[in-house]
Amino acid sequence: MLVDLDRRTVATIRRVVPQSGLGPFFAEIFPLLRGQLAAQGATPAGPPLARYYNGDRAAFDVESGIPFTGPFRPTGEARVMELPRRAAKLTHVGSYETLHPEYQRLEQWVGEQGLKAVAGPWEVYLSEPGTPEAALRTEVYWPVAT
């Protein structure tokens, strides 16, 4: 499904990590960013997310962060980015390990609609930590040219 999104500003950290290192990366940076946002008076404005700039499972170029409102000046590795405003979207239920086919499905759907997929698809993690794998809910977005 094609969606037009509201403006979302995100505090992020970008690194290259193997697929096996994604969990530890998220466990490190999400609390770090929440702390930096709170210290500066900014407020989280949605669930955490991860944006992928390549498909190399041995070395994902991944930018992960937290949408926010309010004042925030990035420090250290942190930066601020704005998500694309138009994207194809689907919701995946199940393990993160089974997300890869969803990207293929989205990319195919975008082409069938005569749209052009652009770099930087992202995932939004809707489930709370501790949710059983079979019940995990993840929104997957693939930006399209406007």
N, C-alpha and C. Protein backbone atom coordinates (compact mmCIF):
# COMPACT_ATOMS: atom_id res chain seq x y z
N MET A 1 0.84 -1.17 0.00
CA MET A 1 0.00 0.00 0.00
C MET A 1 0.89 1.24 0.00
N LEU A 2 0.53 2.22 -0.80
CA LEU A 2 1.27 3.48 -0.89
C LEU A 2 0.76 4.44 0.17
N VAL A 3 1.68 5.07 0.92
CA VAL A 3 1.28 6.00 1.97
C VAL A 3 2.05 7.31 1.83
N ASP A 4 1.37 8.40 2.18
CA ASP A 4 2.00 9.71 2.32
C ASP A 4 2.12 9.96 3.81
N LEU A 5 3.34 10.18 4.27
CA LEU A 5 3.63 10.26 5.69
C LEU A 5 3.80 11.69 6.16
N ASP A 6 3.48 11.91 7.42
CA ASP A 6 3.77 13.19 8.06
C ASP A 6 5.28 13.30 8.22
N ARG A 7 5.74 14.51 8.38
CA ARG A 7 7.16 14.75 8.61
C ARG A 7 7.59 14.05 9.90
N ARG A 8 8.70 13.29 9.82
CA ARG A 8 9.24 12.63 10.99
C ARG A 8 10.74 12.88 11.07
N THR A 9 11.12 13.58 12.12
CA THR A 9 12.51 13.85 12.39
C THR A 9 13.00 12.80 13.38
N VAL A 10 14.18 12.23 13.09
CA VAL A 10 14.66 11.08 13.85
C VAL A 10 16.09 11.32 14.32
N ALA A 11 16.34 11.07 15.61
CA ALA A 11 17.70 11.04 16.14
C ALA A 11 18.25 9.65 15.83
N THR A 12 19.40 9.59 15.18
CA THR A 12 19.92 8.31 14.72
C THR A 12 21.41 8.14 14.99
N ILE A 13 21.84 6.90 14.88
CA ILE A 13 23.25 6.53 14.82
C ILE A 13 23.37 5.55 13.66
N ARG A 14 24.38 5.75 12.82
CA ARG A 14 24.58 4.90 11.65
C ARG A 14 25.90 4.17 11.76
N ARG A 15 25.84 2.86 11.52
CA ARG A 15 27.04 2.01 11.55
C ARG A 15 26.89 0.90 10.52
N VAL A 16 27.97 0.19 10.29
CA VAL A 16 27.96 -1.03 9.48
C VAL A 16 28.11 -2.19 10.45
N VAL A 17 27.12 -3.10 10.46
CA VAL A 17 27.12 -4.23 11.38
C VAL A 17 26.63 -5.48 10.66
N PRO A 18 27.12 -6.66 11.07
CA PRO A 18 26.59 -7.90 10.49
C PRO A 18 25.18 -8.15 11.02
N GLN A 19 24.43 -8.97 10.32
CA GLN A 19 23.07 -9.29 10.76
C GLN A 19 23.07 -9.79 12.21
N SER A 20 24.06 -10.59 12.57
CA SER A 20 24.13 -11.12 13.94
C SER A 20 24.38 -10.03 14.97
N GLY A 21 24.85 -8.88 14.53
CA GLY A 21 25.14 -7.78 15.45
C GLY A 21 24.02 -6.75 15.56
N LEU A 22 22.92 -6.95 14.82
CA LEU A 22 21.84 -5.96 14.87
C LEU A 22 21.22 -5.84 16.25
N GLY A 23 20.90 -6.96 16.88
CA GLY A 23 20.29 -6.93 18.21
C GLY A 23 21.14 -6.16 19.21
N PRO A 24 22.43 -6.49 19.34
CA PRO A 24 23.28 -5.74 20.26
C PRO A 24 23.41 -4.25 19.87
N PHE A 25 23.45 -3.96 18.58
CA PHE A 25 23.50 -2.56 18.13
C PHE A 25 22.26 -1.81 18.60
N PHE A 26 21.08 -2.37 18.37
CA PHE A 26 19.85 -1.72 18.80
C PHE A 26 19.81 -1.59 20.32
N ALA A 27 20.23 -2.64 21.03
CA ALA A 27 20.22 -2.62 22.49
C ALA A 27 21.14 -1.53 23.04
N GLU A 28 22.18 -1.20 22.30
CA GLU A 28 23.09 -0.13 22.71
C GLU A 28 22.53 1.25 22.38
N ILE A 29 22.09 1.44 21.14
CA ILE A 29 21.81 2.81 20.71
C ILE A 29 20.42 3.33 21.07
N PHE A 30 19.42 2.47 21.17
CA PHE A 30 18.09 2.99 21.51
C PHE A 30 18.08 3.63 22.90
N PRO A 31 18.61 2.98 23.95
CA PRO A 31 18.66 3.65 25.25
C PRO A 31 19.56 4.89 25.25
N LEU A 32 20.67 4.81 24.51
CA LEU A 32 21.58 5.95 24.42
C LEU A 32 20.86 7.17 23.83
N LEU A 33 20.16 6.96 22.73
CA LEU A 33 19.45 8.06 22.09
C LEU A 33 18.30 8.57 22.96
N ARG A 34 17.57 7.65 23.61
CA ARG A 34 16.49 8.09 24.52
C ARG A 34 17.06 9.00 25.61
N GLY A 35 18.21 8.63 26.14
CA GLY A 35 18.86 9.43 27.17
C GLY A 35 19.28 10.80 26.66
N GLN A 36 19.85 10.84 25.46
CA GLN A 36 20.27 12.12 24.89
C GLN A 36 19.06 13.01 24.62
N LEU A 37 17.98 12.43 24.09
CA LEU A 37 16.77 13.22 23.83
C LEU A 37 16.23 13.80 25.13
N ALA A 38 16.09 12.96 26.17
CA ALA A 38 15.54 13.41 27.44
C ALA A 38 16.41 14.50 28.07
N ALA A 39 17.74 14.34 27.98
CA ALA A 39 18.65 15.31 28.58
C ALA A 39 18.52 16.69 27.95
N GLN A 40 18.05 16.74 26.70
CA GLN A 40 17.94 18.02 26.01
C GLN A 40 16.50 18.52 25.92
N GLY A 41 15.58 17.82 26.54
CA GLY A 41 14.19 18.27 26.55
C GLY A 41 13.37 17.85 25.34
N ALA A 42 13.89 16.94 24.54
CA ALA A 42 13.13 16.43 23.39
C ALA A 42 12.28 15.24 23.86
N THR A 43 11.22 14.97 23.11
CA THR A 43 10.29 13.91 23.46
C THR A 43 10.22 12.87 22.35
N PRO A 44 10.37 11.57 22.68
CA PRO A 44 10.17 10.55 21.64
C PRO A 44 8.78 10.70 21.02
N ALA A 45 8.71 10.54 19.70
CA ALA A 45 7.45 10.74 18.97
C ALA A 45 7.10 9.52 18.14
N GLY A 46 7.40 8.34 18.65
CA GLY A 46 7.08 7.12 17.94
C GLY A 46 8.04 6.02 18.31
N PRO A 47 7.75 4.81 17.83
CA PRO A 47 8.60 3.67 18.15
C PRO A 47 9.95 3.75 17.43
N PRO A 48 10.92 2.99 17.92
CA PRO A 48 12.24 2.97 17.28
C PRO A 48 12.17 2.38 15.87
N LEU A 49 13.19 2.71 15.09
CA LEU A 49 13.23 2.25 13.70
C LEU A 49 14.65 1.99 13.27
N ALA A 50 14.78 1.31 12.14
CA ALA A 50 16.08 1.07 11.52
C ALA A 50 15.93 1.23 10.02
N ARG A 51 16.85 1.98 9.43
CA ARG A 51 16.85 2.23 7.99
C ARG A 51 18.09 1.56 7.39
N TYR A 52 17.88 0.83 6.29
CA TYR A 52 18.95 0.03 5.69
C TYR A 52 19.35 0.62 4.34
N TYR A 53 20.67 0.75 4.14
CA TYR A 53 21.18 1.34 2.91
C TYR A 53 21.84 0.31 2.00
N ASN A 54 21.86 -0.94 2.43
CA ASN A 54 22.31 -2.03 1.56
C ASN A 54 21.68 -3.32 2.05
N GLY A 55 21.84 -4.38 1.30
CA GLY A 55 21.26 -5.67 1.67
C GLY A 55 22.29 -6.70 2.05
N ASP A 56 23.48 -6.27 2.40
CA ASP A 56 24.58 -7.19 2.71
C ASP A 56 24.45 -7.67 4.16
N ARG A 57 23.98 -8.89 4.33
CA ARG A 57 23.75 -9.40 5.69
C ARG A 57 25.04 -9.52 6.50
N ALA A 58 26.18 -9.59 5.82
CA ALA A 58 27.46 -9.66 6.53
C ALA A 58 27.92 -8.28 6.98
N ALA A 59 27.39 -7.23 6.35
CA ALA A 59 27.82 -5.86 6.68
C ALA A 59 26.70 -4.88 6.33
N PHE A 60 25.60 -4.93 7.11
CA PHE A 60 24.50 -4.00 6.88
C PHE A 60 24.96 -2.58 7.18
N ASP A 61 24.67 -1.66 6.25
CA ASP A 61 24.83 -0.23 6.50
C ASP A 61 23.48 0.21 7.06
N VAL A 62 23.41 0.38 8.36
CA VAL A 62 22.13 0.60 9.04
C VAL A 62 22.16 1.88 9.87
N GLU A 63 21.08 2.61 9.79
CA GLU A 63 20.89 3.84 10.57
C GLU A 63 19.66 3.62 11.43
N SER A 64 19.84 3.63 12.73
CA SER A 64 18.76 3.32 13.65
C SER A 64 18.51 4.49 14.58
N GLY A 65 17.24 4.66 14.95
CA GLY A 65 16.97 5.79 15.82
C GLY A 65 15.56 5.86 16.33
N ILE A 66 15.26 7.06 16.85
CA ILE A 66 13.98 7.32 17.51
C ILE A 66 13.42 8.65 17.00
N PRO A 67 12.19 8.64 16.47
CA PRO A 67 11.56 9.90 16.08
C PRO A 67 11.37 10.78 17.32
N PHE A 68 11.43 12.09 17.14
CA PHE A 68 11.30 12.99 18.29
C PHE A 68 10.70 14.32 17.89
N THR A 69 10.25 15.04 18.91
CA THR A 69 9.85 16.43 18.77
C THR A 69 10.61 17.21 19.84
N GLY A 70 10.77 18.51 19.60
CA GLY A 70 11.45 19.34 20.58
C GLY A 70 12.90 19.58 20.22
N PRO A 71 13.60 20.25 21.13
CA PRO A 71 14.99 20.63 20.86
C PRO A 71 15.95 19.44 21.01
N PHE A 72 16.85 19.31 20.05
CA PHE A 72 17.87 18.27 20.14
C PHE A 72 19.06 18.65 19.29
N ARG A 73 20.22 18.70 19.91
CA ARG A 73 21.48 18.91 19.20
C ARG A 73 22.28 17.63 19.34
N PRO A 74 22.52 16.93 18.20
CA PRO A 74 23.22 15.64 18.28
C PRO A 74 24.62 15.78 18.86
N THR A 75 25.02 14.73 19.61
CA THR A 75 26.37 14.67 20.15
C THR A 75 26.96 13.30 19.85
N GLY A 76 28.28 13.20 19.85
CA GLY A 76 28.95 11.93 19.57
C GLY A 76 28.59 11.43 18.19
N GLU A 77 28.18 10.17 18.09
CA GLU A 77 27.81 9.56 16.81
C GLU A 77 26.42 9.97 16.34
N ALA A 78 25.64 10.53 17.21
CA ALA A 78 24.24 10.83 16.88
C ALA A 78 24.15 11.88 15.79
N ARG A 79 23.08 11.80 15.03
CA ARG A 79 22.76 12.80 14.02
C ARG A 79 21.25 12.90 13.91
N VAL A 80 20.79 13.83 13.13
CA VAL A 80 19.36 14.01 12.91
C VAL A 80 19.07 13.81 11.44
N MET A 81 18.04 13.04 11.12
CA MET A 81 17.62 12.86 9.74
C MET A 81 16.10 12.93 9.67
N GLU A 82 15.62 13.19 8.48
CA GLU A 82 14.18 13.20 8.24
C GLU A 82 13.84 12.05 7.31
N LEU A 83 12.80 11.31 7.67
CA LEU A 83 12.39 10.18 6.83
C LEU A 83 11.69 10.68 5.57
N PRO A 84 11.77 9.90 4.49
CA PRO A 84 11.02 10.25 3.28
C PRO A 84 9.52 10.34 3.59
N ARG A 85 8.81 11.11 2.79
CA ARG A 85 7.40 11.37 3.04
C ARG A 85 6.46 10.45 2.27
N ARG A 86 6.98 9.73 1.26
CA ARG A 86 6.13 8.85 0.45
C ARG A 86 6.81 7.49 0.36
N ALA A 87 6.02 6.44 0.66
CA ALA A 87 6.61 5.11 0.68
C ALA A 87 5.53 4.05 0.49
N ALA A 88 5.97 2.89 0.06
CA ALA A 88 5.12 1.70 0.08
C ALA A 88 5.28 1.11 1.47
N LYS A 89 4.19 0.55 2.01
CA LYS A 89 4.21 0.07 3.39
C LYS A 89 3.47 -1.26 3.52
N LEU A 90 3.99 -2.09 4.40
CA LEU A 90 3.27 -3.29 4.81
C LEU A 90 3.60 -3.56 6.27
N THR A 91 2.78 -4.38 6.90
CA THR A 91 3.02 -4.77 8.29
C THR A 91 3.33 -6.26 8.33
N HIS A 92 4.44 -6.59 8.96
CA HIS A 92 4.89 -7.97 9.11
C HIS A 92 4.62 -8.43 10.53
N VAL A 93 4.08 -9.63 10.66
CA VAL A 93 3.89 -10.24 11.98
C VAL A 93 4.74 -11.50 12.01
N GLY A 94 5.63 -11.56 12.99
CA GLY A 94 6.50 -12.72 13.12
C GLY A 94 7.93 -12.30 13.40
N SER A 95 8.80 -13.26 13.36
CA SER A 95 10.21 -13.08 13.68
C SER A 95 10.89 -12.08 12.75
N TYR A 96 11.86 -11.37 13.29
CA TYR A 96 12.66 -10.46 12.47
C TYR A 96 13.43 -11.26 11.41
N GLU A 97 13.73 -12.51 11.70
CA GLU A 97 14.46 -13.36 10.76
C GLU A 97 13.67 -13.60 9.48
N THR A 98 12.36 -13.39 9.51
CA THR A 98 11.53 -13.65 8.33
C THR A 98 11.12 -12.37 7.60
N LEU A 99 11.80 -11.26 7.88
CA LEU A 99 11.46 -9.99 7.24
C LEU A 99 11.95 -9.87 5.80
N HIS A 100 13.04 -10.54 5.45
CA HIS A 100 13.65 -10.35 4.13
C HIS A 100 12.67 -10.51 2.97
N PRO A 101 11.81 -11.53 2.93
CA PRO A 101 10.87 -11.65 1.81
C PRO A 101 9.89 -10.46 1.71
N GLU A 102 9.64 -9.79 2.82
CA GLU A 102 8.74 -8.64 2.79
C GLU A 102 9.34 -7.51 1.95
N TYR A 103 10.65 -7.34 2.03
CA TYR A 103 11.32 -6.33 1.21
C TYR A 103 11.18 -6.66 -0.27
N GLN A 104 11.36 -7.93 -0.60
CA GLN A 104 11.20 -8.36 -2.00
C GLN A 104 9.77 -8.11 -2.47
N ARG A 105 8.81 -8.44 -1.62
CA ARG A 105 7.40 -8.22 -1.96
C ARG A 105 7.10 -6.74 -2.19
N LEU A 106 7.61 -5.88 -1.30
CA LEU A 106 7.38 -4.44 -1.45
C LEU A 106 8.02 -3.90 -2.72
N GLU A 107 9.27 -4.30 -2.96
CA GLU A 107 9.96 -3.81 -4.15
C GLU A 107 9.23 -4.25 -5.41
N GLN A 108 8.75 -5.47 -5.45
CA GLN A 108 7.98 -5.96 -6.61
C GLN A 108 6.69 -5.16 -6.76
N TRP A 109 5.97 -4.93 -5.67
CA TRP A 109 4.72 -4.17 -5.72
C TRP A 109 4.95 -2.76 -6.25
N VAL A 110 6.01 -2.13 -5.79
CA VAL A 110 6.33 -0.77 -6.25
C VAL A 110 6.50 -0.77 -7.76
N GLY A 111 7.27 -1.72 -8.30
CA GLY A 111 7.47 -1.81 -9.74
C GLY A 111 6.18 -2.06 -10.49
N GLU A 112 5.32 -2.93 -9.95
CA GLU A 112 4.04 -3.23 -10.61
C GLU A 112 3.13 -2.01 -10.66
N GLN A 113 3.31 -1.07 -9.74
CA GLN A 113 2.49 0.14 -9.72
C GLN A 113 3.07 1.24 -10.63
N GLY A 114 4.20 0.93 -11.27
CA GLY A 114 4.84 1.92 -12.13
C GLY A 114 5.59 2.99 -11.35
N LEU A 115 5.91 2.70 -10.10
CA LEU A 115 6.64 3.65 -9.25
C LEU A 115 8.11 3.28 -9.23
N LYS A 116 8.94 4.21 -8.74
CA LYS A 116 10.37 3.94 -8.65
C LYS A 116 10.78 3.87 -7.18
N ALA A 117 11.27 2.70 -6.76
CA ALA A 117 11.80 2.54 -5.41
C ALA A 117 13.13 3.28 -5.31
N VAL A 118 13.34 3.94 -4.20
CA VAL A 118 14.61 4.64 -3.96
C VAL A 118 15.29 4.02 -2.74
N ALA A 119 16.54 4.39 -2.52
CA ALA A 119 17.35 3.78 -1.47
C ALA A 119 16.82 4.12 -0.08
N GLY A 120 17.11 3.22 0.85
CA GLY A 120 16.84 3.49 2.26
C GLY A 120 15.53 3.00 2.81
N PRO A 121 15.11 1.75 2.52
CA PRO A 121 13.91 1.25 3.17
C PRO A 121 14.14 1.18 4.68
N TRP A 122 13.04 1.20 5.44
CA TRP A 122 13.18 1.16 6.89
C TRP A 122 12.10 0.31 7.54
N GLU A 123 12.40 -0.08 8.79
CA GLU A 123 11.50 -0.87 9.62
C GLU A 123 11.16 -0.06 10.86
N VAL A 124 9.90 -0.14 11.28
CA VAL A 124 9.46 0.47 12.53
C VAL A 124 9.04 -0.67 13.45
N TYR A 125 9.64 -0.71 14.65
CA TYR A 125 9.43 -1.82 15.58
C TYR A 125 8.30 -1.48 16.54
N LEU A 126 7.11 -2.05 16.26
CA LEU A 126 5.91 -1.73 17.02
C LEU A 126 5.79 -2.50 18.34
N SER A 127 6.44 -3.64 18.44
CA SER A 127 6.29 -4.51 19.61
C SER A 127 7.23 -4.10 20.74
N GLU A 128 6.76 -4.32 21.95
CA GLU A 128 7.56 -4.06 23.15
C GLU A 128 8.61 -5.16 23.31
N PRO A 129 9.76 -4.84 23.93
CA PRO A 129 10.72 -5.90 24.22
C PRO A 129 10.05 -7.02 25.01
N GLY A 130 10.43 -8.24 24.71
CA GLY A 130 9.87 -9.39 25.40
C GLY A 130 8.66 -10.01 24.71
N THR A 131 8.18 -9.37 23.63
CA THR A 131 7.06 -9.93 22.87
C THR A 131 7.52 -11.24 22.23
N PRO A 132 6.70 -12.31 22.31
CA PRO A 132 7.09 -13.56 21.65
C PRO A 132 7.33 -13.34 20.15
N GLU A 133 8.31 -14.04 19.60
CA GLU A 133 8.68 -13.86 18.19
C GLU A 133 7.50 -13.96 17.25
N ALA A 134 6.63 -14.91 17.46
CA ALA A 134 5.50 -15.11 16.55
C ALA A 134 4.53 -13.94 16.55
N ALA A 135 4.58 -13.10 17.58
CA ALA A 135 3.66 -11.97 17.70
C ALA A 135 4.32 -10.62 17.41
N LEU A 136 5.60 -10.59 17.07
CA LEU A 136 6.28 -9.32 16.78
C LEU A 136 5.61 -8.63 15.61
N ARG A 137 5.40 -7.33 15.74
CA ARG A 137 4.80 -6.53 14.66
C ARG A 137 5.82 -5.48 14.21
N THR A 138 6.08 -5.49 12.91
CA THR A 138 7.06 -4.58 12.32
C THR A 138 6.47 -3.97 11.06
N GLU A 139 6.46 -2.64 10.98
CA GLU A 139 6.07 -1.98 9.73
C GLU A 139 7.31 -1.87 8.86
N VAL A 140 7.16 -2.17 7.58
CA VAL A 140 8.26 -2.08 6.63
C VAL A 140 7.86 -1.03 5.59
N TYR A 141 8.75 -0.07 5.36
CA TYR A 141 8.52 1.02 4.42
C TYR A 141 9.61 1.00 3.36
N TRP A 142 9.20 1.21 2.10
CA TRP A 142 10.17 1.37 1.01
C TRP A 142 9.86 2.70 0.35
N PRO A 143 10.78 3.68 0.46
CA PRO A 143 10.50 4.99 -0.12
C PRO A 143 10.41 4.93 -1.64
N VAL A 144 9.55 5.77 -2.19
CA VAL A 144 9.38 5.85 -3.64
C VAL A 144 9.62 7.29 -4.09
N ALA A 145 10.06 7.42 -5.33
CA ALA A 145 10.31 8.74 -5.90
C ALA A 145 8.98 9.49 -5.99
N THR A 146 9.04 10.78 -5.70
CA THR A 146 7.82 11.60 -5.77
C THR A 146 7.76 12.36 -7.07
